[in-house]
All heavy atoms as atom14 arrays in JSON, in Angstrom:
{
  "sequence": "IDEKMADLIFERVRAHANSKAISLLATAEYSQQEIRY",
  "atom14_mask": [
    [1, 1, 1, 1, 1, 1, 1, 1, 0, 0, 0, 0, 0, 0],
    [1, 1, 1, 1, 1, 1, 1, 1, 0, 0, 0, 0, 0, 0],
    [1, 1, 1, 1, 1, 1, 1, 1, 1, 0, 0, 0, 0, 0],
    [1, 1, 1, 1, 1, 1, 1, 1, 1, 0, 0, 0, 0, 0],
    [1, 1, 1, 1, 1, 1, 1, 1, 0, 0, 0, 0, 0, 0],
    [1, 1, 1, 1, 1, 0, 0, 0, 0, 0, 0, 0, 0, 0],
    [1, 1, 1, 1, 1, 1, 1, 1, 0, 0, 0, 0, 0, 0],
    [1, 1, 1, 1, 1, 1, 1, 1, 0, 0, 0, 0, 0, 0],
    [1, 1, 1, 1, 1, 1, 1, 1, 0, 0, 0, 0, 0, 0],
    [1, 1, 1, 1, 1, 1, 1, 1, 1, 1, 1, 0, 0, 0],
    [1, 1, 1, 1, 1, 1, 1, 1, 1, 0, 0, 0, 0, 0],
    [1, 1, 1, 1, 1, 1, 1, 1, 1, 1, 1, 0, 0, 0],
    [1, 1, 1, 1, 1, 1, 1, 0, 0, 0, 0, 0, 0, 0],
    [1, 1, 1, 1, 1, 1, 1, 1, 1, 1, 1, 0, 0, 0],
    [1, 1, 1, 1, 1, 0, 0, 0, 0, 0, 0, 0, 0, 0],
    [1, 1, 1, 1, 1, 1, 1, 1, 1, 1, 0, 0, 0, 0],
    [1, 1, 1, 1, 1, 0, 0, 0, 0, 0, 0, 0, 0, 0],
    [1, 1, 1, 1, 1, 1, 1, 1, 0, 0, 0, 0, 0, 0],
    [1, 1, 1, 1, 1, 1, 0, 0, 0, 0, 0, 0, 0, 0],
    [1, 1, 1, 1, 1, 1, 1, 1, 1, 0, 0, 0, 0, 0],
    [1, 1, 1, 1, 1, 0, 0, 0, 0, 0, 0, 0, 0, 0],
    [1, 1, 1, 1, 1, 1, 1, 1, 0, 0, 0, 0, 0, 0],
    [1, 1, 1, 1, 1, 1, 0, 0, 0, 0, 0, 0, 0, 0],
    [1, 1, 1, 1, 1, 1, 1, 1, 0, 0, 0, 0, 0, 0],
    [1, 1, 1, 1, 1, 1, 1, 1, 0, 0, 0, 0, 0, 0],
    [1, 1, 1, 1, 1, 0, 0, 0, 0, 0, 0, 0, 0, 0],
    [1, 1, 1, 1, 1, 1, 1, 0, 0, 0, 0, 0, 0, 0],
    [1, 1, 1, 1, 1, 0, 0, 0, 0, 0, 0, 0, 0, 0],
    [1, 1, 1, 1, 1, 1, 1, 1, 1, 0, 0, 0, 0, 0],
    [1, 1, 1, 1, 1, 1, 1, 1, 1, 1, 1, 1, 0, 0],
    [1, 1, 1, 1, 1, 1, 0, 0, 0, 0, 0, 0, 0, 0],
    [1, 1, 1, 1, 1, 1, 1, 1, 1, 0, 0, 0, 0, 0],
    [1, 1, 1, 1, 1, 1, 1, 1, 1, 0, 0, 0, 0, 0],
    [1, 1, 1, 1, 1, 1, 1, 1, 1, 0, 0, 0, 0, 0],
    [1, 1, 1, 1, 1, 1, 1, 1, 0, 0, 0, 0, 0, 0],
    [1, 1, 1, 1, 1, 1, 1, 1, 1, 1, 1, 0, 0, 0],
    [1, 1, 1, 1, 1, 1, 1, 1, 1, 1, 1, 1, 0, 0]
  ],
  "atom14_positions": [
    [[8.56, 27.89, -59.05], [8.15, 29.25, -58.67], [9.4, 30.12, -58.58], [10.53, 29.61, -58.45], [7.4, 29.25, -57.31], [8.29, 28.66, -56.21], [6.09, 28.48, -57.42], [7.69, 28.75, -54.82], [0.0, 0.0, 0.0], [0.0, 0.0, 0.0], [0.0, 0.0, 0.0], [0.0, 0.0, 0.0], [0.0, 0.0, 0.0], [0.0, 0.0, 0.0]],
    [[9.19, 31.42, -58.64], [10.36, 32.3, -58.53], [10.72, 32.55, -57.07], [9.99, 32.17, -56.15], [10.11, 33.62, -59.28], [8.91, 34.39, -58.75], [8.58, 34.25, -57.56], [8.29, 35.14, -59.55], [0.0, 0.0, 0.0], [0.0, 0.0, 0.0], [0.0, 0.0, 0.0], [0.0, 0.0, 0.0], [0.0, 0.0, 0.0], [0.0, 0.0, 0.0]],
    [[11.87, 33.16, -56.85], [12.39, 33.39, -55.5], [11.44, 34.27, -54.67], [11.28, 34.05, -53.47], [13.77, 34.04, -55.56], [14.87, 33.18, -56.14], [15.32, 32.09, -55.18], [14.96, 32.16, -53.98], [16.04, 31.18, -55.62], [0.0, 0.0, 0.0], [0.0, 0.0, 0.0], [0.0, 0.0, 0.0], [0.0, 0.0, 0.0], [0.0, 0.0, 0.0]],
    [[10.82, 35.23, -55.34], [9.9, 36.11, -54.62], [8.72, 35.34, -54.05], [8.33, 35.54, -52.88], [9.41, 37.22, -55.55], [8.51, 38.24, -54.88], [8.13, 39.34, -55.85], [7.22, 40.38, -55.17], [6.83, 41.45, -56.11], [0.0, 0.0, 0.0], [0.0, 0.0, 0.0], [0.0, 0.0, 0.0], [0.0, 0.0, 0.0], [0.0, 0.0, 0.0]],
    [[8.15, 34.43, -54.84], [7.04, 33.62, -54.36], [7.51, 32.66, -53.26], [6.79, 32.45, -52.27], [6.41, 32.84, -55.51], [5.29, 31.9, -55.09], [3.91, 32.74, -54.26], [3.16, 33.59, -55.66], [0.0, 0.0, 0.0], [0.0, 0.0, 0.0], [0.0, 0.0, 0.0], [0.0, 0.0, 0.0], [0.0, 0.0, 0.0], [0.0, 0.0, 0.0]],
    [[8.7, 32.12, -53.4], [9.25, 31.21, -52.37], [9.4, 31.94, -51.05], [9.07, 31.4, -49.98], [10.58, 30.63, -52.82], [0.0, 0.0, 0.0], [0.0, 0.0, 0.0], [0.0, 0.0, 0.0], [0.0, 0.0, 0.0], [0.0, 0.0, 0.0], [0.0, 0.0, 0.0], [0.0, 0.0, 0.0], [0.0, 0.0, 0.0], [0.0, 0.0, 0.0]],
    [[9.88, 33.18, -51.12], [10.03, 33.98, -49.9], [8.67, 34.28, -49.27], [8.52, 34.26, -48.05], [10.75, 35.29, -50.21], [12.23, 35.1, -50.53], [12.76, 34.02, -50.2], [12.83, 36.02, -51.11], [0.0, 0.0, 0.0], [0.0, 0.0, 0.0], [0.0, 0.0, 0.0], [0.0, 0.0, 0.0], [0.0, 0.0, 0.0], [0.0, 0.0, 0.0]],
    [[7.69, 34.55, -50.11], [6.34, 34.85, -49.62], [5.73, 33.63, -48.93], [5.13, 33.74, -47.85], [5.45, 35.3, -50.78], [4.01, 35.7, -50.42], [3.99, 36.82, -49.39], [3.26, 36.12, -51.69], [0.0, 0.0, 0.0], [0.0, 0.0, 0.0], [0.0, 0.0, 0.0], [0.0, 0.0, 0.0], [0.0, 0.0, 0.0], [0.0, 0.0, 0.0]],
    [[5.92, 32.46, -49.54], [5.43, 31.22, -48.93], [6.11, 30.98, -47.59], [5.45, 30.64, -46.59], [5.67, 30.02, -49.87], [4.75, 30.14, -51.09], [5.44, 28.7, -49.15], [5.07, 29.13, -52.19], [0.0, 0.0, 0.0], [0.0, 0.0, 0.0], [0.0, 0.0, 0.0], [0.0, 0.0, 0.0], [0.0, 0.0, 0.0], [0.0, 0.0, 0.0]],
    [[7.43, 31.15, -47.55], [8.17, 30.94, -46.31], [7.65, 31.86, -45.21], [7.45, 31.44, -44.06], [9.66, 31.18, -46.53], [10.5, 30.92, -45.31], [11.04, 29.66, -45.07], [10.76, 31.93, -44.39], [11.8, 29.42, -43.94], [11.52, 31.7, -43.26], [12.05, 30.44, -43.04], [0.0, 0.0, 0.0], [0.0, 0.0, 0.0], [0.0, 0.0, 0.0]],
    [[7.41, 33.13, -45.55], [6.93, 34.09, -44.55], [5.53, 33.74, -44.06], [5.21, 33.94, -42.88], [6.95, 35.51, -45.12], [8.35, 36.1, -45.22], [9.08, 36.07, -43.88], [8.48, 36.51, -42.86], [10.22, 35.59, -43.83], [0.0, 0.0, 0.0], [0.0, 0.0, 0.0], [0.0, 0.0, 0.0], [0.0, 0.0, 0.0], [0.0, 0.0, 0.0]],
    [[4.68, 33.24, -44.95], [3.34, 32.81, -44.52], [3.45, 31.66, -43.51], [2.75, 31.64, -42.5], [2.52, 32.35, -45.73], [2.03, 33.46, -46.62], [0.92, 34.27, -45.94], [0.34, 35.26, -46.84], [-0.74, 35.06, -47.57], [-1.4, 33.91, -47.5], [-1.2, 36.01, -48.37], [0.0, 0.0, 0.0], [0.0, 0.0, 0.0], [0.0, 0.0, 0.0]],
    [[4.31, 30.7, -43.82], [4.49, 29.56, -42.92], [5.07, 30.02, -41.59], [4.62, 29.6, -40.52], [5.41, 28.5, -43.58], [5.76, 27.4, -42.57], [4.74, 27.89, -44.81], [0.0, 0.0, 0.0], [0.0, 0.0, 0.0], [0.0, 0.0, 0.0], [0.0, 0.0, 0.0], [0.0, 0.0, 0.0], [0.0, 0.0, 0.0], [0.0, 0.0, 0.0]],
    [[6.06, 30.91, -41.65], [6.68, 31.41, -40.42], [5.67, 32.16, -39.57], [5.66, 32.05, -38.33], [7.87, 32.31, -40.75], [8.7, 32.7, -39.51], [9.71, 33.76, -39.86], [9.06, 34.99, -40.25], [8.53, 35.86, -39.39], [8.55, 35.63, -38.08], [7.95, 36.96, -39.83], [0.0, 0.0, 0.0], [0.0, 0.0, 0.0], [0.0, 0.0, 0.0]],
    [[4.8, 32.93, -40.22], [3.78, 33.67, -39.48], [2.83, 32.72, -38.77], [2.42, 32.98, -37.63], [3.01, 34.58, -40.43], [0.0, 0.0, 0.0], [0.0, 0.0, 0.0], [0.0, 0.0, 0.0], [0.0, 0.0, 0.0], [0.0, 0.0, 0.0], [0.0, 0.0, 0.0], [0.0, 0.0, 0.0], [0.0, 0.0, 0.0], [0.0, 0.0, 0.0]],
    [[2.49, 31.62, -39.41], [1.64, 30.6, -38.77], [2.33, 30.04, -37.53], [1.71, 29.9, -36.47], [1.36, 29.45, -39.74], [0.17, 29.66, -40.6], [-1.1, 29.86, -40.09], [0.04, 29.71, -41.95], [-1.95, 30.02, -41.1], [-1.28, 29.95, -42.23], [0.0, 0.0, 0.0], [0.0, 0.0, 0.0], [0.0, 0.0, 0.0], [0.0, 0.0, 0.0]],
    [[3.59, 29.68, -37.69], [4.34, 29.1, -36.57], [4.46, 30.09, -35.42], [4.3, 29.73, -34.25], [5.72, 28.66, -37.04], [0.0, 0.0, 0.0], [0.0, 0.0, 0.0], [0.0, 0.0, 0.0], [0.0, 0.0, 0.0], [0.0, 0.0, 0.0], [0.0, 0.0, 0.0], [0.0, 0.0, 0.0], [0.0, 0.0, 0.0], [0.0, 0.0, 0.0]],
    [[4.71, 31.36, -35.75], [4.83, 32.38, -34.72], [3.52, 32.57, -33.98], [3.48, 32.67, -32.74], [5.27, 33.7, -35.36], [5.7, 34.72, -34.33], [6.72, 34.56, -33.69], [4.91, 35.78, -34.18], [0.0, 0.0, 0.0], [0.0, 0.0, 0.0], [0.0, 0.0, 0.0], [0.0, 0.0, 0.0], [0.0, 0.0, 0.0], [0.0, 0.0, 0.0]],
    [[2.42, 32.59, -34.72], [1.09, 32.75, -34.11], [0.78, 31.57, -33.2], [0.22, 31.77, -32.1], [0.04, 32.86, -35.21], [-1.25, 32.95, -34.67], [0.0, 0.0, 0.0], [0.0, 0.0, 0.0], [0.0, 0.0, 0.0], [0.0, 0.0, 0.0], [0.0, 0.0, 0.0], [0.0, 0.0, 0.0], [0.0, 0.0, 0.0], [0.0, 0.0, 0.0]],
    [[1.12, 30.36, -33.63], [0.87, 29.18, -32.81], [1.68, 29.24, -31.52], [1.16, 28.95, -30.42], [1.22, 27.91, -33.59], [0.95, 26.63, -32.81], [-0.51, 26.52, -32.44], [-0.81, 25.3, -31.6], [-2.23, 25.22, -31.19], [0.0, 0.0, 0.0], [0.0, 0.0, 0.0], [0.0, 0.0, 0.0], [0.0, 0.0, 0.0], [0.0, 0.0, 0.0]],
    [[2.93, 29.63, -31.61], [3.79, 29.71, -30.43], [3.26, 30.75, -29.45], [3.21, 30.51, -28.23], [5.22, 30.04, -30.84], [0.0, 0.0, 0.0], [0.0, 0.0, 0.0], [0.0, 0.0, 0.0], [0.0, 0.0, 0.0], [0.0, 0.0, 0.0], [0.0, 0.0, 0.0], [0.0, 0.0, 0.0], [0.0, 0.0, 0.0], [0.0, 0.0, 0.0]],
    [[2.85, 31.9, -29.95], [2.35, 32.96, -29.08], [1.05, 32.53, -28.4], [0.82, 32.83, -27.22], [2.14, 34.26, -29.89], [3.51, 34.85, -30.26], [1.33, 35.27, -29.1], [3.43, 36.06, -31.16], [0.0, 0.0, 0.0], [0.0, 0.0, 0.0], [0.0, 0.0, 0.0], [0.0, 0.0, 0.0], [0.0, 0.0, 0.0], [0.0, 0.0, 0.0]],
    [[0.2, 31.8, -29.12], [-1.04, 31.33, -28.5], [-0.75, 30.34, -27.38], [-1.45, 30.32, -26.36], [-1.96, 30.7, -29.56], [-1.42, 29.49, -30.05], [0.0, 0.0, 0.0], [0.0, 0.0, 0.0], [0.0, 0.0, 0.0], [0.0, 0.0, 0.0], [0.0, 0.0, 0.0], [0.0, 0.0, 0.0], [0.0, 0.0, 0.0], [0.0, 0.0, 0.0]],
    [[0.26, 29.53, -27.53], [0.66, 28.6, -26.47], [1.19, 29.37, -25.26], [0.82, 29.1, -24.12], [1.74, 27.64, -26.98], [1.29, 26.57, -27.97], [2.5, 25.9, -28.62], [0.43, 25.52, -27.28], [0.0, 0.0, 0.0], [0.0, 0.0, 0.0], [0.0, 0.0, 0.0], [0.0, 0.0, 0.0], [0.0, 0.0, 0.0], [0.0, 0.0, 0.0]],
    [[2.04, 30.35, -25.52], [2.66, 31.12, -24.43], [1.65, 32.03, -23.74], [1.91, 32.49, -22.62], [3.83, 31.93, -24.98], [5.05, 31.09, -25.37], [5.98, 31.88, -26.28], [5.8, 30.62, -24.13], [0.0, 0.0, 0.0], [0.0, 0.0, 0.0], [0.0, 0.0, 0.0], [0.0, 0.0, 0.0], [0.0, 0.0, 0.0], [0.0, 0.0, 0.0]],
    [[0.53, 32.29, -24.38], [-0.5, 33.11, -23.75], [-1.22, 32.35, -22.63], [-1.85, 32.96, -21.78], [-1.51, 33.59, -24.79], [0.0, 0.0, 0.0], [0.0, 0.0, 0.0], [0.0, 0.0, 0.0], [0.0, 0.0, 0.0], [0.0, 0.0, 0.0], [0.0, 0.0, 0.0], [0.0, 0.0, 0.0], [0.0, 0.0, 0.0], [0.0, 0.0, 0.0]],
    [[-1.12, 31.03, -22.65], [-1.82, 30.21, -21.66], [-0.92, 29.7, -20.56], [-1.39, 29.36, -19.48], [-2.5, 29.0, -22.34], [-1.5, 28.17, -22.94], [-3.46, 29.47, -23.42], [0.0, 0.0, 0.0], [0.0, 0.0, 0.0], [0.0, 0.0, 0.0], [0.0, 0.0, 0.0], [0.0, 0.0, 0.0], [0.0, 0.0, 0.0], [0.0, 0.0, 0.0]],
    [[0.39, 29.63, -20.81], [1.32, 29.09, -19.81], [2.75, 29.43, -20.22], [3.01, 29.81, -21.37], [1.18, 27.57, -19.7], [0.0, 0.0, 0.0], [0.0, 0.0, 0.0], [0.0, 0.0, 0.0], [0.0, 0.0, 0.0], [0.0, 0.0, 0.0], [0.0, 0.0, 0.0], [0.0, 0.0, 0.0], [0.0, 0.0, 0.0], [0.0, 0.0, 0.0]],
    [[3.67, 29.32, -19.25], [5.09, 29.48, -19.56], [5.61, 28.2, -20.2], [5.3, 27.09, -19.76], [5.9, 29.78, -18.29], [5.59, 31.1, -17.64], [6.14, 32.29, -18.42], [6.89, 32.09, -19.4], [5.78, 33.43, -18.06], [0.0, 0.0, 0.0], [0.0, 0.0, 0.0], [0.0, 0.0, 0.0], [0.0, 0.0, 0.0], [0.0, 0.0, 0.0]],
    [[6.4, 28.36, -21.26], [7.05, 27.23, -21.92], [8.53, 27.55, -22.08], [8.91, 28.71, -22.24], [6.45, 26.96, -23.3], [5.08, 26.34, -23.29], [3.94, 27.14, -23.32], [4.91, 24.96, -23.28], [2.66, 26.58, -23.33], [3.64, 24.39, -23.29], [2.53, 25.2, -23.31], [1.28, 24.64, -23.31], [0.0, 0.0, 0.0], [0.0, 0.0, 0.0]],
    [[9.35, 26.51, -22.08], [10.75, 26.7, -22.43], [10.87, 26.7, -23.95], [9.98, 26.21, -24.66], [11.61, 25.56, -21.85], [11.3, 24.33, -22.49], [0.0, 0.0, 0.0], [0.0, 0.0, 0.0], [0.0, 0.0, 0.0], [0.0, 0.0, 0.0], [0.0, 0.0, 0.0], [0.0, 0.0, 0.0], [0.0, 0.0, 0.0], [0.0, 0.0, 0.0]],
    [[11.98, 27.22, -24.46], [12.16, 27.2, -25.9], [12.24, 25.78, -26.42], [11.8, 25.48, -27.53], [13.4, 28.02, -26.3], [14.71, 27.52, -25.74], [15.51, 26.68, -26.73], [15.05, 26.43, -27.82], [16.68, 26.24, -26.31], [0.0, 0.0, 0.0], [0.0, 0.0, 0.0], [0.0, 0.0, 0.0], [0.0, 0.0, 0.0], [0.0, 0.0, 0.0]],
    [[12.75, 24.87, -25.6], [12.8, 23.46, -25.99], [11.4, 22.89, -26.19], [11.14, 22.15, -27.15], [13.55, 22.67, -24.9], [13.85, 21.22, -25.24], [14.59, 20.55, -24.11], [14.02, 20.26, -23.06], [15.87, 20.31, -24.3], [0.0, 0.0, 0.0], [0.0, 0.0, 0.0], [0.0, 0.0, 0.0], [0.0, 0.0, 0.0], [0.0, 0.0, 0.0]],
    [[10.48, 23.25, -25.3], [9.1, 22.77, -25.4], [8.4, 23.38, -26.61], [7.63, 22.69, -27.31], [8.34, 23.1, -24.12], [8.82, 22.29, -22.93], [8.32, 22.83, -21.6], [7.98, 24.03, -21.53], [8.29, 22.06, -20.63], [0.0, 0.0, 0.0], [0.0, 0.0, 0.0], [0.0, 0.0, 0.0], [0.0, 0.0, 0.0], [0.0, 0.0, 0.0]],
    [[8.65, 24.67, -26.88], [8.05, 25.3, -28.06], [8.6, 24.65, -29.33], [7.84, 24.39, -30.29], [8.34, 26.82, -28.06], [7.59, 27.52, -26.92], [7.94, 27.43, -29.41], [6.08, 27.48, -27.05], [0.0, 0.0, 0.0], [0.0, 0.0, 0.0], [0.0, 0.0, 0.0], [0.0, 0.0, 0.0], [0.0, 0.0, 0.0], [0.0, 0.0, 0.0]],
    [[9.88, 24.38, -29.35], [10.47, 23.7, -30.52], [9.78, 22.37, -30.78], [9.43, 22.04, -31.92], [11.96, 23.46, -30.31], [12.82, 24.7, -30.47], [14.31, 24.37, -30.31], [15.11, 25.57, -30.42], [15.49, 26.1, -31.56], [15.14, 25.52, -32.72], [16.22, 27.19, -31.59], [0.0, 0.0, 0.0], [0.0, 0.0, 0.0], [0.0, 0.0, 0.0]],
    [[9.6, 21.59, -29.72], [8.97, 20.28, -29.87], [7.55, 20.41, -30.43], [7.15, 19.67, -31.34], [8.94, 19.56, -28.53], [8.17, 18.26, -28.57], [8.75, 17.11, -29.09], [6.86, 18.2, -28.11], [8.04, 15.92, -29.15], [6.14, 17.0, -28.16], [6.74, 15.87, -28.68], [6.02, 14.7, -28.75], [0.0, 0.0, 0.0], [0.0, 0.0, 0.0]]
  ]
}
């Protein structure tokens, strides 16, 4: 794939991870270490 598509895929994955982290933090406080895990 070209670089543009690779960047788009990366951003989609990052958006998923960000959404998951925010949903966790909406229910309780977490440390960055716990979010990483």
